[in-house]
Protein backbone atom coordinates (compact mmCIF):
# COMPACT_ATOMS: atom_id res chain seq x y z
CA MET A 1 -0.05 0.11 -0.08
CA ALA A 2 1.46 3.33 -1.08
CA MET A 3 1.65 6.31 1.98
CA THR A 4 1.59 9.50 1.99
CA THR A 5 1.72 12.74 4.55
CA ILE A 6 -0.35 15.19 4.47
CA LYS A 7 0.33 18.70 6.58
CA VAL A 8 -2.78 19.06 8.93
CA PRO A 9 -2.97 21.84 11.64
CA THR A 10 -2.26 20.12 15.16
CA GLU A 11 -5.92 21.21 16.12
CA LEU A 12 -7.06 19.09 12.91
CA ARG A 13 -4.64 16.02 14.06
CA ASP A 14 -5.18 16.03 17.55
CA ARG A 15 -9.05 15.82 17.19
CA LEU A 16 -8.36 13.07 14.48
CA ALA A 17 -6.21 11.34 17.38
CA ALA A 18 -8.63 11.85 19.67
CA ARG A 19 -11.36 9.98 17.38
CA ALA A 20 -9.04 7.39 16.51
CA LYS A 21 -8.34 6.68 20.12
CA GLN A 22 -12.05 6.61 20.75
CA ASP A 23 -12.74 4.16 18.67
CA HIS A 24 -10.11 2.30 18.69
CA ILE A 25 -8.78 2.44 15.20
CA THR A 26 -6.10 4.48 13.71
CA LEU A 27 -5.50 7.83 12.08
CA ALA A 28 -6.51 6.58 8.40
CA ALA A 29 -9.18 4.74 9.70
CA ALA A 30 -10.64 7.61 11.37
CA ILE A 31 -10.10 9.94 7.84
CA ALA A 32 -11.72 6.77 5.65
CA LYS A 33 -14.66 6.34 8.61
CA ALA A 34 -15.18 10.50 8.62
CA LEU A 35 -15.29 10.24 4.54
CA ASP A 36 -17.45 7.27 4.42
CA GLU A 37 -19.74 8.73 6.63
CA ALA A 38 -19.95 12.24 5.03
CA GLU A 39 -20.78 10.46 1.50
CA GLU A 40 -23.45 8.38 2.80
CA ARG A 41 -24.80 11.65 4.42
CA GLN A 42 -24.62 13.27 1.28
CA PHE A 43 -26.08 10.46 -0.53
CA TRP A 44 -29.49 10.40 1.89
CA ASP A 45 -29.47 14.24 1.38
CA ALA A 46 -29.69 13.86 -2.42
CA VAL A 47 -32.44 10.89 -2.01
CA ARG A 48 -34.34 13.60 0.30
CA ASP A 49 -33.89 16.25 -1.72
CA GLU A 50 -35.50 14.02 -5.01
CA ASN A 51 -38.30 13.08 -3.39
CA ALA A 52 -38.98 15.65 -1.99
CA ARG A 53 -39.52 16.97 -5.50
CA MET A 54 -41.49 14.12 -6.81
CA THR A 55 -45.04 14.38 -7.90
CA GLU A 56 -48.06 12.93 -5.92
CA GLU A 57 -48.12 11.22 -9.75
CA GLU A 58 -44.40 10.03 -8.94
CA ARG A 59 -44.93 8.59 -6.16
CA GLY A 60 -47.91 6.72 -6.75
CA GLU A 61 -45.71 4.84 -9.83
CA TYR A 62 -43.27 3.85 -7.04
CA LEU A 63 -46.34 2.23 -5.17
CA HIS A 64 -47.45 -0.05 -8.04
CA ASP A 65 -43.88 -0.89 -9.46
CA SER A 66 -43.80 -4.39 -9.22
CA THR A 67 -40.14 -4.60 -9.25
CA LEU A 68 -39.94 -3.09 -6.06
CA LEU A 69 -41.66 -6.28 -4.70
CA ASP A 70 -39.47 -8.85 -5.69
CA ASP A 71 -38.34 -9.95 -2.36
CA LEU A 72 -41.48 -10.12 -0.43
CA ASP A 73 -42.12 -13.28 -1.17
CA ASP A 74 -38.65 -14.72 -0.25
CA PRO A 75 -39.47 -17.75 1.80
CA GLY A 76 -36.24 -17.29 3.67
CA ASP A 77 -37.25 -13.95 5.63
CA GLU A 78 -39.79 -16.79 7.22
CA ALA A 79 -37.19 -18.44 8.43
CA ILE A 80 -34.98 -15.79 9.81
CA SER A 81 -37.49 -14.02 11.58
CA SER A 82 -39.41 -17.39 13.08
CA ARG A 83 -36.01 -18.25 14.70
CA GLY A 84 -35.90 -14.20 16.32
CA GLY A 85 -33.40 -13.28 13.63
CA TRP A 86 -34.82 -9.88 12.63
């Protein structure tokens, strides 16, 4: 794995170090985790924005989209829930 050095203010390095210590991970993992979380927030913000722009007609089309129902008849779901897996 290639490594590099980045210059960050001491305060930021200290914040990263504190977070990494709290989560029992490396500085690199703390940075990766922060980026992953930021990207996930950005994704869900975009989903919320797109849903907010939808008309009632467009929302109704989702309710009748049979491709969204494909997984509802999965027999494995019953087996998992009967074992208390859900």
